[in-house]
N, C-alpha and C. Protein backbone atom coordinates (compact mmCIF):
# COMPACT_ATOMS: atom_id res chain seq x y z
N MET A 1 -11.90 116.49 10.89
CA MET A 1 -11.77 117.20 9.62
C MET A 1 -11.01 116.67 8.39
N LEU A 2 -11.67 115.94 7.27
CA LEU A 2 -11.01 115.23 6.66
C LEU A 2 -10.07 116.14 5.82
N ARG A 3 -8.72 115.28 5.62
CA ARG A 3 -7.68 115.84 4.18
C ARG A 3 -8.53 115.62 3.37
N PRO A 4 -8.07 116.49 2.17
CA PRO A 4 -8.39 116.16 0.81
C PRO A 4 -7.89 114.92 0.35
N GLY A 5 -8.89 113.95 -0.41
CA GLY A 5 -8.18 112.88 -0.96
C GLY A 5 -8.32 111.69 0.18
N ARG A 6 -8.98 111.73 1.19
CA ARG A 6 -8.85 110.70 2.20
C ARG A 6 -10.18 110.29 2.53
N ARG A 7 -10.37 109.21 2.63
CA ARG A 7 -11.78 108.39 2.71
C ARG A 7 -12.21 108.25 4.59
N PRO A 8 -13.12 108.16 4.64
CA PRO A 8 -13.28 107.83 6.21
C PRO A 8 -13.14 106.45 6.42
N ALA A 9 -12.57 105.99 7.53
CA ALA A 9 -11.98 104.51 7.63
C ALA A 9 -12.86 103.90 8.83
N ARG A 10 -14.48 104.51 8.57
CA ARG A 10 -15.17 103.89 9.87
C ARG A 10 -15.54 102.63 9.35
N GLY A 11 -15.56 101.46 10.23
CA GLY A 11 -15.48 100.33 10.11
C GLY A 11 -14.44 99.41 9.70
N GLN A 12 -13.48 100.11 9.61
CA GLN A 12 -12.13 99.33 8.93
C GLN A 12 -11.85 98.25 10.24
N GLY A 13 -11.66 98.71 11.52
CA GLY A 13 -11.68 97.87 12.47
C GLY A 13 -11.94 96.45 12.59
N VAL A 14 -13.50 96.85 12.43
CA VAL A 14 -14.38 95.63 12.40
C VAL A 14 -14.19 94.60 11.39
N VAL A 15 -13.85 95.14 9.72
CA VAL A 15 -13.61 94.24 8.67
C VAL A 15 -12.30 93.57 9.03
N GLU A 16 -11.18 94.19 9.51
CA GLU A 16 -10.01 93.67 9.97
C GLU A 16 -10.13 92.64 10.80
N PHE A 17 -10.87 92.65 11.92
CA PHE A 17 -11.25 91.76 12.77
C PHE A 17 -11.81 90.53 12.11
N ALA A 18 -12.92 90.60 11.08
CA ALA A 18 -13.53 89.72 10.84
C ALA A 18 -12.92 89.04 9.99
N LEU A 19 -12.06 89.34 9.04
CA LEU A 19 -10.80 88.77 8.34
C LEU A 19 -9.81 87.63 9.09
N ILE A 20 -9.60 88.12 10.36
CA ILE A 20 -8.53 87.42 11.12
C ILE A 20 -9.16 86.49 12.07
N LEU A 21 -10.21 86.91 12.07
CA LEU A 21 -11.08 86.08 13.32
C LEU A 21 -11.11 84.42 13.15
N PRO A 22 -11.45 83.75 11.94
CA PRO A 22 -11.37 82.67 11.66
C PRO A 22 -9.86 82.06 11.74
N LEU A 23 -8.95 82.58 11.36
CA LEU A 23 -7.35 82.22 11.70
C LEU A 23 -7.19 82.00 13.12
N PHE A 24 -7.60 83.36 14.11
CA PHE A 24 -7.36 83.15 15.36
C PHE A 24 -8.11 81.81 16.22
N LEU A 25 -9.18 81.84 15.50
CA LEU A 25 -9.99 80.63 16.22
C LEU A 25 -9.42 79.11 15.76
N LEU A 26 -8.84 79.17 14.49
CA LEU A 26 -8.35 77.89 14.07
C LEU A 26 -7.05 77.74 15.24
N ILE A 27 -6.16 78.85 15.19
CA ILE A 27 -5.00 78.63 16.10
C ILE A 27 -5.49 78.15 17.74
N LEU A 28 -6.17 79.02 18.05
CA LEU A 28 -6.86 78.68 19.47
C LEU A 28 -7.67 77.41 19.92
N LEU A 29 -8.38 76.97 18.52
CA LEU A 29 -8.91 75.81 18.70
C LEU A 29 -8.17 74.76 18.85
N GLY A 30 -7.12 74.84 17.60
CA GLY A 30 -6.11 74.02 17.17
C GLY A 30 -5.10 73.60 18.33
N MET A 31 -4.61 74.18 19.62
CA MET A 31 -3.79 74.06 20.65
C MET A 31 -5.00 73.57 21.57
N VAL A 32 -6.24 73.70 21.64
CA VAL A 32 -6.80 72.95 22.70
C VAL A 32 -7.12 71.52 22.36
N GLU A 33 -7.59 71.54 21.07
CA GLU A 33 -7.73 70.30 20.46
C GLU A 33 -6.18 69.18 20.69
N PHE A 34 -5.08 69.81 20.45
CA PHE A 34 -3.95 69.23 20.69
C PHE A 34 -4.02 68.84 21.92
N GLY A 35 -4.20 68.90 22.88
CA GLY A 35 -4.37 68.99 24.44
C GLY A 35 -5.03 67.54 24.26
N PHE A 36 -6.17 67.70 23.88
CA PHE A 36 -7.02 66.29 24.24
C PHE A 36 -6.50 65.52 23.28
N ILE A 37 -6.00 65.38 22.00
CA ILE A 37 -5.74 64.54 21.36
C ILE A 37 -4.41 63.73 21.93
N PHE A 38 -3.67 64.45 22.51
CA PHE A 38 -2.45 64.03 23.26
C PHE A 38 -2.80 63.35 24.70
N THR A 39 -3.54 63.61 25.20
CA THR A 39 -4.02 62.93 26.38
C THR A 39 -4.64 61.55 26.16
N HIS A 40 -5.63 61.49 24.75
CA HIS A 40 -6.15 60.40 24.45
C HIS A 40 -5.13 59.39 24.00
N ASP A 41 -3.93 59.99 23.34
CA ASP A 41 -2.88 59.24 22.75
C ASP A 41 -2.12 58.40 23.61
N LEU A 42 -1.78 59.42 24.76
CA LEU A 42 -1.29 58.65 26.02
C LEU A 42 -1.76 57.14 26.49
N THR A 43 -3.16 57.56 26.70
CA THR A 43 -3.91 56.45 27.45
C THR A 43 -3.95 55.22 26.52
N VAL A 44 -4.11 55.50 25.12
CA VAL A 44 -3.96 54.19 24.25
C VAL A 44 -2.55 53.71 24.11
N GLU A 45 -1.68 54.43 24.11
CA GLU A 45 -0.04 54.14 24.32
C GLU A 45 0.24 53.32 25.64
N TYR A 46 -0.31 53.79 26.85
CA TYR A 46 -0.30 53.19 27.95
C TYR A 46 -1.08 51.60 28.07
N ALA A 47 -2.35 51.73 27.30
CA ALA A 47 -2.98 50.61 27.28
C ALA A 47 -2.24 49.53 26.82
N THR A 48 -1.52 49.50 25.55
CA THR A 48 -0.84 48.57 24.64
C THR A 48 0.28 48.05 25.28
N ARG A 49 0.59 49.27 26.49
CA ARG A 49 2.00 48.54 26.98
C ARG A 49 1.62 47.51 28.15
N GLU A 50 0.48 48.03 28.73
CA GLU A 50 0.07 47.09 29.75
C GLU A 50 -0.36 45.64 29.50
N GLY A 51 -0.77 45.48 27.90
CA GLY A 51 -1.26 44.61 27.25
C GLY A 51 -0.15 43.74 27.01
N ALA A 52 1.12 44.24 26.38
CA ALA A 52 1.91 43.56 26.17
C ALA A 52 3.00 42.96 27.47
N ARG A 53 2.93 43.70 28.49
CA ARG A 53 3.41 43.18 29.50
C ARG A 53 2.79 42.40 30.02
N ALA A 54 1.55 42.22 30.56
CA ALA A 54 0.55 41.07 30.74
C ALA A 54 1.13 39.79 29.97
N GLY A 55 0.90 39.90 28.59
CA GLY A 55 1.28 38.75 27.34
C GLY A 55 2.52 38.33 27.97
N SER A 56 3.65 39.22 28.06
CA SER A 56 5.33 38.84 28.43
C SER A 56 5.34 38.20 29.67
N ALA A 57 4.37 38.43 30.69
CA ALA A 57 4.44 37.87 31.91
C ALA A 57 3.85 36.48 31.92
N LEU A 58 2.77 36.54 31.03
CA LEU A 58 1.93 34.92 31.24
C LEU A 58 2.75 34.20 30.32
N ASP A 59 3.66 34.35 29.00
CA ASP A 59 4.00 33.48 28.35
C ASP A 59 2.89 32.37 27.69
N ASN A 60 3.11 31.23 27.94
CA ASN A 60 2.18 30.24 27.40
C ASN A 60 0.98 29.86 28.22
N GLY A 61 0.91 30.44 29.55
CA GLY A 61 0.19 30.11 30.04
C GLY A 61 0.15 29.38 31.86
N GLY A 62 1.77 28.80 31.49
CA GLY A 62 2.58 27.93 32.65
C GLY A 62 2.20 26.53 32.17
N GLY A 63 3.30 25.93 32.84
CA GLY A 63 3.29 24.39 32.38
C GLY A 63 4.01 23.92 31.57
N THR A 64 4.49 22.87 30.87
CA THR A 64 5.36 22.73 30.10
C THR A 64 5.00 23.32 28.52
N LEU A 65 5.93 23.73 27.86
CA LEU A 65 5.05 24.72 26.45
C LEU A 65 5.10 23.43 25.60
N GLY A 66 3.73 23.87 24.82
CA GLY A 66 3.30 22.87 23.93
C GLY A 66 2.08 23.02 24.01
N CYS A 67 1.21 22.33 22.83
CA CYS A 67 -0.03 22.58 22.67
C CYS A 67 -0.98 21.08 22.33
N GLY A 68 0.19 20.32 23.09
CA GLY A 68 -0.30 18.87 23.00
C GLY A 68 -1.23 18.36 24.22
N VAL A 69 -1.63 17.13 24.50
CA VAL A 69 -2.33 16.97 25.52
C VAL A 69 -1.42 17.06 26.71
N GLY A 70 -1.88 17.85 27.78
CA GLY A 70 -0.98 17.93 29.02
C GLY A 70 -0.04 19.01 29.31
N GLN A 71 0.21 19.91 28.16
CA GLN A 71 1.10 20.86 27.76
C GLN A 71 0.34 22.34 28.01
N SER A 72 1.21 23.15 28.52
CA SER A 72 0.32 24.38 28.72
C SER A 72 -1.06 24.64 29.00
N PRO A 73 -1.43 23.92 30.01
CA PRO A 73 -2.61 23.52 30.44
C PRO A 73 -3.62 24.85 30.53
N ASN A 74 -2.90 26.10 30.95
CA ASN A 74 -3.85 27.65 31.08
C ASN A 74 -3.77 28.13 29.78
N TRP A 75 -3.35 27.77 28.63
CA TRP A 75 -3.23 28.80 27.55
C TRP A 75 -4.47 29.40 27.22
N PRO A 76 -5.54 29.00 27.20
CA PRO A 76 -6.57 29.79 26.96
C PRO A 76 -6.66 30.77 27.66
N THR A 77 -6.34 30.83 28.80
CA THR A 77 -6.54 32.24 29.71
C THR A 77 -6.05 33.66 29.50
N VAL A 78 -4.65 33.21 28.41
CA VAL A 78 -3.86 34.25 28.75
C VAL A 78 -4.04 35.29 27.80
N ASP A 79 -4.53 35.09 26.60
CA ASP A 79 -5.34 36.25 25.61
C ASP A 79 -6.37 37.18 26.14
N PRO A 80 -7.46 36.34 26.75
CA PRO A 80 -8.28 37.13 27.34
C PRO A 80 -7.75 38.15 28.70
N LEU A 81 -6.87 37.47 29.36
CA LEU A 81 -6.08 38.16 30.31
C LEU A 81 -5.16 39.61 29.91
N VAL A 82 -4.56 39.52 28.63
CA VAL A 82 -4.15 40.51 27.87
C VAL A 82 -5.49 41.68 27.33
N ILE A 83 -6.13 41.17 26.85
CA ILE A 83 -7.11 42.06 26.87
C ILE A 83 -7.91 42.79 27.81
N ALA A 84 -7.89 42.08 29.05
CA ALA A 84 -8.42 42.74 30.17
C ALA A 84 -7.39 43.95 30.46
N ALA A 85 -6.01 43.55 30.57
CA ALA A 85 -5.21 44.21 31.13
C ALA A 85 -5.13 45.70 30.17
N VAL A 86 -5.43 45.54 28.56
CA VAL A 86 -5.71 46.81 27.81
C VAL A 86 -7.03 47.52 28.29
N GLU A 87 -8.32 46.90 28.71
CA GLU A 87 -9.33 47.24 29.04
C GLU A 87 -9.28 48.17 30.17
N ARG A 88 -8.59 47.66 31.31
CA ARG A 88 -8.65 48.34 32.51
C ARG A 88 -7.83 49.72 32.20
N VAL A 89 -6.89 49.89 31.59
CA VAL A 89 -6.20 51.11 31.13
C VAL A 89 -7.66 51.95 30.52
N LEU A 90 -7.93 51.68 29.57
CA LEU A 90 -8.74 52.26 28.72
C LEU A 90 -9.87 53.01 29.58
N ALA A 91 -10.66 52.03 30.53
CA ALA A 91 -11.80 52.41 31.17
C ALA A 91 -11.33 52.82 32.83
N SER A 92 -9.91 53.54 32.77
CA SER A 92 -9.49 53.58 34.26
C SER A 92 -10.43 55.13 34.69
N PRO A 93 -10.31 55.21 35.97
CA PRO A 93 -10.89 56.74 36.18
C PRO A 93 -9.70 57.83 35.54
N GLY A 94 -10.47 58.68 35.10
CA GLY A 94 -9.90 60.16 34.31
C GLY A 94 -9.64 59.70 33.07
N SER A 95 -9.78 58.41 32.66
CA SER A 95 -9.67 58.28 31.07
C SER A 95 -10.76 59.17 30.28
N GLN A 96 -10.20 59.68 29.16
CA GLN A 96 -11.26 60.19 28.45
C GLN A 96 -11.68 59.21 26.98
N VAL A 97 -10.98 58.08 27.10
CA VAL A 97 -11.19 57.43 25.81
C VAL A 97 -12.40 56.63 25.61
N VAL A 98 -13.02 56.65 24.65
CA VAL A 98 -14.30 56.21 24.56
C VAL A 98 -14.20 54.66 23.93
N ILE A 99 -14.38 53.55 25.08
CA ILE A 99 -14.06 52.44 24.33
C ILE A 99 -14.87 52.14 23.53
N SER A 100 -15.83 52.05 22.97
CA SER A 100 -16.55 51.47 21.95
C SER A 100 -16.18 52.17 20.59
N ASN A 101 -14.87 53.34 20.83
CA ASN A 101 -14.21 54.12 19.58
C ASN A 101 -12.92 53.00 19.40
N VAL A 102 -12.74 52.07 20.29
CA VAL A 102 -11.70 51.33 19.90
C VAL A 102 -11.92 50.33 18.96
N SER A 103 -11.55 50.07 17.41
CA SER A 103 -12.34 49.09 16.95
C SER A 103 -11.41 47.90 16.56
N LYS A 104 -10.44 47.95 17.00
CA LYS A 104 -9.59 46.50 17.00
C LYS A 104 -8.11 46.93 17.95
N ILE A 105 -8.11 45.52 18.67
CA ILE A 105 -6.82 45.21 19.42
C ILE A 105 -6.27 43.70 19.09
N VAL A 106 -5.22 43.85 18.43
CA VAL A 106 -4.19 42.85 17.86
C VAL A 106 -3.22 42.32 18.46
N ILE A 107 -3.07 41.27 19.07
CA ILE A 107 -2.12 40.50 19.58
C ILE A 107 -1.21 39.60 18.50
N TYR A 108 -0.02 39.49 18.32
CA TYR A 108 0.72 39.21 17.38
C TYR A 108 2.03 38.91 17.65
N LYS A 109 2.61 37.81 16.78
CA LYS A 109 3.75 37.07 17.26
C LYS A 109 4.71 38.35 16.65
N ALA A 110 5.64 39.20 17.01
CA ALA A 110 6.50 40.51 16.72
C ALA A 110 7.73 39.89 16.01
N ASN A 111 8.09 40.79 15.02
CA ASN A 111 9.74 40.38 14.42
C ASN A 111 10.56 40.52 15.62
N PRO A 112 11.75 39.75 16.00
CA PRO A 112 12.35 39.91 17.26
C PRO A 112 13.50 40.79 16.90
N ALA A 113 13.59 41.45 15.39
CA ALA A 113 14.53 41.94 15.04
C ALA A 113 14.10 43.45 14.93
N THR A 114 12.58 43.95 14.86
CA THR A 114 12.24 45.23 14.55
C THR A 114 11.05 45.56 15.18
N GLY A 115 10.47 44.65 15.54
CA GLY A 115 9.08 44.45 16.57
C GLY A 115 8.07 44.88 15.62
N ALA A 116 8.01 44.45 14.25
CA ALA A 116 6.85 44.72 12.86
C ALA A 116 6.03 43.14 13.26
N ASN A 117 4.75 43.58 12.79
CA ASN A 117 3.75 42.58 12.61
C ASN A 117 3.98 41.94 11.34
N ASP A 118 4.90 41.32 10.96
CA ASP A 118 5.21 40.81 9.93
C ASP A 118 5.52 39.50 9.88
N GLN A 119 5.19 38.67 10.79
CA GLN A 119 5.19 37.24 11.01
C GLN A 119 4.12 36.31 10.22
N GLY A 120 3.05 36.88 9.83
CA GLY A 120 1.85 36.24 9.45
C GLY A 120 1.03 35.71 10.59
N MET A 121 1.60 35.77 11.93
CA MET A 121 0.34 35.35 13.13
C MET A 121 -0.01 36.38 14.16
N GLN A 122 -1.11 36.32 14.12
CA GLN A 122 -1.78 37.60 14.55
C GLN A 122 -3.54 37.32 15.20
N ASP A 123 -3.87 37.65 16.24
CA ASP A 123 -5.18 37.49 16.21
C ASP A 123 -5.69 38.59 16.73
N VAL A 124 -7.12 39.05 16.18
CA VAL A 124 -7.75 40.48 16.22
C VAL A 124 -8.89 40.37 17.18
N TRP A 125 -8.83 40.99 18.10
CA TRP A 125 -10.21 41.32 18.70
C TRP A 125 -10.66 42.18 18.23
N THR A 126 -12.52 42.54 18.04
CA THR A 126 -13.08 43.59 17.99
C THR A 126 -13.70 43.89 18.92
N TYR A 127 -14.24 45.41 19.03
CA TYR A 127 -15.21 45.81 19.58
C TYR A 127 -16.52 45.13 19.67
N SER A 128 -17.24 44.69 20.86
CA SER A 128 -18.61 44.20 21.09
C SER A 128 -18.67 44.52 22.47
N ALA A 129 -19.44 45.19 22.90
CA ALA A 129 -19.81 45.39 24.27
C ALA A 129 -20.30 44.25 24.90
N GLY A 130 -19.72 43.70 26.22
CA GLY A 130 -20.11 42.51 26.87
C GLY A 130 -20.16 41.35 26.12
N ALA A 131 -19.38 41.18 25.11
CA ALA A 131 -19.93 40.00 24.20
C ALA A 131 -18.27 39.09 24.86
N GLY A 132 -17.59 39.46 25.32
CA GLY A 132 -16.27 38.79 25.37
C GLY A 132 -16.08 37.78 26.22
N PRO A 133 -15.17 36.80 26.34
CA PRO A 133 -14.83 35.76 27.39
C PRO A 133 -14.81 36.66 28.61
N ILE A 134 -14.91 35.94 29.95
CA ILE A 134 -15.01 36.58 31.20
C ILE A 134 -13.33 36.41 31.63
N PRO A 135 -12.27 36.81 31.57
CA PRO A 135 -11.12 36.33 32.33
C PRO A 135 -10.87 35.93 33.40
N THR A 136 -9.63 34.87 33.49
CA THR A 136 -9.50 34.48 34.85
C THR A 136 -9.58 35.25 36.24
N GLY A 137 -10.37 34.81 36.82
CA GLY A 137 -10.63 36.14 38.36
C GLY A 137 -11.23 37.08 38.29
N GLY A 138 -11.81 37.07 36.82
CA GLY A 138 -12.75 38.31 36.80
C GLY A 138 -14.20 38.16 36.72
N THR A 139 -15.42 39.14 36.71
CA THR A 139 -16.52 38.52 37.08
C THR A 139 -17.21 39.14 36.20
N GLN A 140 -16.90 40.24 35.03
CA GLN A 140 -17.62 40.49 33.60
C GLN A 140 -16.78 40.16 32.65
N HIS A 141 -17.92 40.46 31.55
CA HIS A 141 -17.42 39.84 30.20
C HIS A 141 -16.76 41.02 29.49
N LEU A 142 -15.46 40.48 28.63
CA LEU A 142 -14.86 41.42 27.93
C LEU A 142 -15.74 42.16 27.21
N ASN A 143 -15.26 43.14 26.80
CA ASN A 143 -15.82 44.13 25.57
C ASN A 143 -15.35 43.91 24.19
N PHE A 144 -14.77 42.80 24.04
CA PHE A 144 -14.08 42.62 23.02
C PHE A 144 -13.77 41.04 22.18
N VAL A 145 -14.07 40.82 21.48
CA VAL A 145 -14.11 39.32 21.08
C VAL A 145 -13.43 39.15 19.78
N ASP A 146 -12.72 37.75 19.94
CA ASP A 146 -11.79 37.07 18.53
C ASP A 146 -12.56 36.00 18.22
N SER A 147 -13.34 36.09 16.89
CA SER A 147 -13.94 35.00 16.48
C SER A 147 -13.27 33.54 16.31
N SER A 148 -12.18 33.95 16.04
CA SER A 148 -11.48 32.42 16.18
C SER A 148 -11.02 31.69 17.45
N TYR A 149 -11.47 32.48 18.73
CA TYR A 149 -10.44 32.45 19.83
C TYR A 149 -11.30 31.08 20.47
N PRO A 150 -10.63 30.16 21.09
CA PRO A 150 -9.28 30.22 21.43
C PRO A 150 -8.77 29.18 20.32
N ASN A 151 -9.09 27.96 19.71
CA ASN A 151 -8.56 27.16 18.86
C ASN A 151 -8.07 27.31 17.84
N GLY A 152 -9.06 28.11 17.19
CA GLY A 152 -8.56 29.03 15.46
C GLY A 152 -7.70 29.84 15.76
N ASP A 153 -7.11 30.61 16.81
CA ASP A 153 -6.12 31.51 16.90
C ASP A 153 -4.97 31.38 15.95
N ALA A 154 -4.51 32.15 15.21
CA ALA A 154 -3.44 31.89 14.46
C ALA A 154 -2.08 32.05 15.54
N TRP A 155 -2.15 32.78 16.59
CA TRP A 155 -0.79 32.45 17.35
C TRP A 155 -1.12 31.84 18.94
N GLN A 156 -1.71 30.83 18.90
CA GLN A 156 -2.09 30.53 20.41
C GLN A 156 -1.10 30.52 21.22
N ALA A 157 -1.44 30.79 22.54
CA ALA A 157 -0.67 30.90 23.96
C ALA A 157 0.42 29.84 23.82
N CYS A 158 -0.06 28.76 23.50
CA CYS A 158 0.70 27.28 24.08
C CYS A 158 1.86 27.34 23.14
N ALA A 159 1.97 28.16 22.07
CA ALA A 159 2.91 27.97 20.89
C ALA A 159 3.74 29.17 20.84
N ARG A 160 3.47 30.03 21.93
CA ARG A 160 4.51 31.26 22.39
C ARG A 160 5.82 30.67 22.96
N THR A 161 6.86 30.64 22.45
CA THR A 161 8.39 30.05 23.21
C THR A 161 8.72 31.30 24.11
N ASN A 162 9.25 30.94 25.29
CA ASN A 162 10.00 31.51 25.97
C ASN A 162 11.27 31.09 26.40
N ALA A 163 11.66 29.86 25.86
CA ALA A 163 12.93 29.36 26.13
C ALA A 163 14.05 30.15 25.44
N THR A 164 15.17 29.92 25.68
CA THR A 164 16.87 30.70 25.41
C THR A 164 16.88 29.68 24.13
N PRO A 165 17.37 30.15 22.79
CA PRO A 165 17.81 31.15 22.65
C PRO A 165 16.62 31.91 21.63
N ASN A 166 15.52 30.97 21.45
CA ASN A 166 14.71 31.31 20.75
C ASN A 166 13.57 31.66 21.11
N ILE A 167 13.41 33.19 21.95
CA ILE A 167 12.29 33.62 22.64
C ILE A 167 11.57 34.18 21.72
N ASN A 168 10.32 34.50 21.85
CA ASN A 168 9.15 34.87 21.06
C ASN A 168 9.18 36.65 21.44
N SER A 169 8.52 37.23 20.73
CA SER A 169 8.44 38.62 21.03
C SER A 169 6.95 38.60 21.06
N ILE A 170 6.01 39.20 21.92
CA ILE A 170 4.62 39.83 21.71
C ILE A 170 4.54 41.11 21.77
N GLY A 171 3.65 41.39 20.62
CA GLY A 171 3.24 42.99 20.11
C GLY A 171 1.47 43.14 20.37
N VAL A 172 1.17 44.34 20.96
CA VAL A 172 0.03 44.42 21.08
C VAL A 172 -0.32 45.70 20.38
N SER A 173 -1.11 45.58 19.47
CA SER A 173 -1.58 46.99 18.92
C SER A 173 -2.84 47.28 19.12
N LEU A 174 -3.35 48.83 19.02
CA LEU A 174 -4.43 49.13 19.20
C LEU A 174 -4.86 50.36 18.49
N THR A 175 -6.12 50.34 17.66
CA THR A 175 -6.71 51.33 16.89
C THR A 175 -7.97 51.93 17.15
N TYR A 176 -7.54 53.26 17.35
CA TYR A 176 -8.63 53.84 18.02
C TYR A 176 -9.05 55.35 17.13
N THR A 177 -10.14 55.44 17.02
CA THR A 177 -10.72 56.74 16.32
C THR A 177 -11.36 57.96 17.24
N TYR A 178 -10.51 58.69 17.09
CA TYR A 178 -10.48 60.16 17.81
C TYR A 178 -11.82 61.08 17.52
N HIS A 179 -12.52 61.59 18.20
CA HIS A 179 -13.57 62.29 17.77
C HIS A 179 -13.23 63.75 18.09
N PHE A 180 -13.21 64.87 17.52
CA PHE A 180 -12.82 66.07 18.06
C PHE A 180 -13.85 66.61 19.06
N GLN A 181 -13.27 67.26 20.07
CA GLN A 181 -13.95 67.68 21.35
C GLN A 181 -14.27 69.04 21.25
N THR A 182 -13.79 69.85 20.32
CA THR A 182 -13.95 71.20 19.73
C THR A 182 -14.10 71.52 18.62
N PRO A 183 -15.14 72.59 17.99
CA PRO A 183 -15.48 72.87 16.62
C PRO A 183 -14.28 73.28 15.60
N LEU A 184 -13.01 72.52 16.00
CA LEU A 184 -11.83 72.74 15.03
C LEU A 184 -12.54 72.41 13.49
N ALA A 185 -12.77 71.18 13.48
CA ALA A 185 -13.03 70.64 12.15
C ALA A 185 -14.32 71.72 11.07
N ALA A 186 -15.01 72.27 12.27
CA ALA A 186 -16.03 73.29 11.60
C ALA A 186 -15.25 74.47 10.91
N VAL A 187 -14.23 74.99 11.85
CA VAL A 187 -13.15 76.24 11.50
C VAL A 187 -12.66 75.79 10.42
N GLU A 188 -11.85 74.59 10.11
CA GLU A 188 -11.15 73.85 9.11
C GLU A 188 -11.95 73.86 7.80
N SER A 189 -13.29 73.66 8.14
CA SER A 189 -14.22 73.51 6.59
C SER A 189 -14.40 74.61 6.32
N PHE A 190 -14.03 75.89 7.02
CA PHE A 190 -14.11 77.41 6.45
C PHE A 190 -13.16 77.27 5.48
N PHE A 191 -11.91 76.88 5.69
CA PHE A 191 -10.95 76.89 4.60
C PHE A 191 -10.83 75.81 3.82
N GLY A 192 -12.08 75.04 3.57
CA GLY A 192 -12.11 73.96 2.66
C GLY A 192 -11.34 72.83 2.79
N GLY A 193 -11.62 72.37 4.25
CA GLY A 193 -11.14 71.24 4.57
C GLY A 193 -11.53 70.67 6.10
N GLY A 194 -10.71 69.82 6.46
CA GLY A 194 -11.38 69.21 7.87
C GLY A 194 -11.86 67.88 7.73
N SER A 195 -11.96 67.37 8.87
CA SER A 195 -12.72 66.05 9.45
C SER A 195 -12.91 66.13 11.04
N PRO A 196 -14.04 65.19 11.05
CA PRO A 196 -14.16 65.29 12.71
C PRO A 196 -13.89 64.12 13.09
N THR A 197 -12.99 63.59 12.66
CA THR A 197 -12.59 62.36 13.62
C THR A 197 -10.75 62.04 13.13
N LEU A 198 -9.88 61.51 13.98
CA LEU A 198 -8.72 61.27 13.58
C LEU A 198 -8.19 59.82 14.33
N THR A 199 -7.50 59.12 13.31
CA THR A 199 -7.26 57.53 13.78
C THR A 199 -6.26 57.48 14.69
N LEU A 200 -6.01 57.18 15.67
CA LEU A 200 -5.06 57.08 16.65
C LEU A 200 -4.41 55.47 16.36
N THR A 201 -3.22 55.10 16.54
CA THR A 201 -2.93 53.87 16.76
C THR A 201 -1.65 53.51 17.32
N ASP A 202 -1.30 52.85 18.15
CA ASP A 202 0.13 52.30 18.83
C ASP A 202 0.16 51.14 18.76
N LYS A 203 1.30 50.68 19.40
CA LYS A 203 1.70 49.48 19.52
C LYS A 203 2.94 49.24 20.45
N THR A 204 2.93 48.15 21.05
CA THR A 204 3.95 48.02 22.10
C THR A 204 4.53 46.75 22.00
N VAL A 205 5.73 46.14 21.78
CA VAL A 205 6.50 45.07 21.84
C VAL A 205 7.30 44.73 22.77
N MET A 206 7.22 43.61 23.59
CA MET A 206 8.01 43.12 24.61
C MET A 206 8.47 41.54 24.23
N GLN A 207 9.73 41.26 24.87
CA GLN A 207 9.78 39.90 24.66
C GLN A 207 9.07 38.95 25.99
N LEU A 208 9.06 37.83 25.52
CA LEU A 208 8.54 36.90 26.70
C LEU A 208 9.28 36.78 27.74
N ASN A 209 8.71 36.65 28.89
CA ASN A 209 9.76 36.13 30.16
C ASN A 209 10.52 34.98 29.84
N PRO A 210 12.17 35.21 29.99
CA PRO A 210 12.71 33.74 29.55
C PRO A 210 12.98 32.80 30.53
N SER A 211 12.62 31.85 29.95
CA SER A 211 13.21 30.53 31.03
C SER A 211 14.44 30.29 30.67
N SER A 212 15.14 29.30 31.30
CA SER A 212 16.46 28.78 31.52
C SER A 212 16.49 27.59 30.51
N SER A 213 15.38 27.10 29.99
CA SER A 213 15.05 25.54 29.29
C SER A 213 14.81 25.74 27.87
């Protein structure tokens, strides 16, 4: 029996649930999506680290440093091997990264003090399925190409100095477009915003393996 002056509360719980549901979904999907983003970002981070490690170990490709006749005889093999190291991580078992969503990989001469790409010397490799060179020891073409490779490169491996005290540092950066795995963007659009993609970037800088000369 209703008391005087009070109205029925029939359907109140349904209305309250309908009001709170979008917020609840946003929080839930946000947690799940963050897990996916974190996994992709870790893979991208590991890929740049492997690329920089390869570039650091390979230095100028071997032999006497320099870009003249008889110097650094294997230098054209260096950058493809750096890219191959990055690709191995991106395409490794368990990786959730879609390699075609990697827009570019940059190999650059890093600022020795800050690691920044501000030396004006970089080589940009862009995605092109199966159109890249075959790295030394490999059997398949890389999925990235550098239109200026090798002779037009801004920072040829034969010019990379690993002699003390002026040792160069190599940087490898990667730009990846992450596509949302859950309907989070759709839920966000309910609140007037949201985008189905997110740009992830990462870079790793390492000093070239030093020599005593």
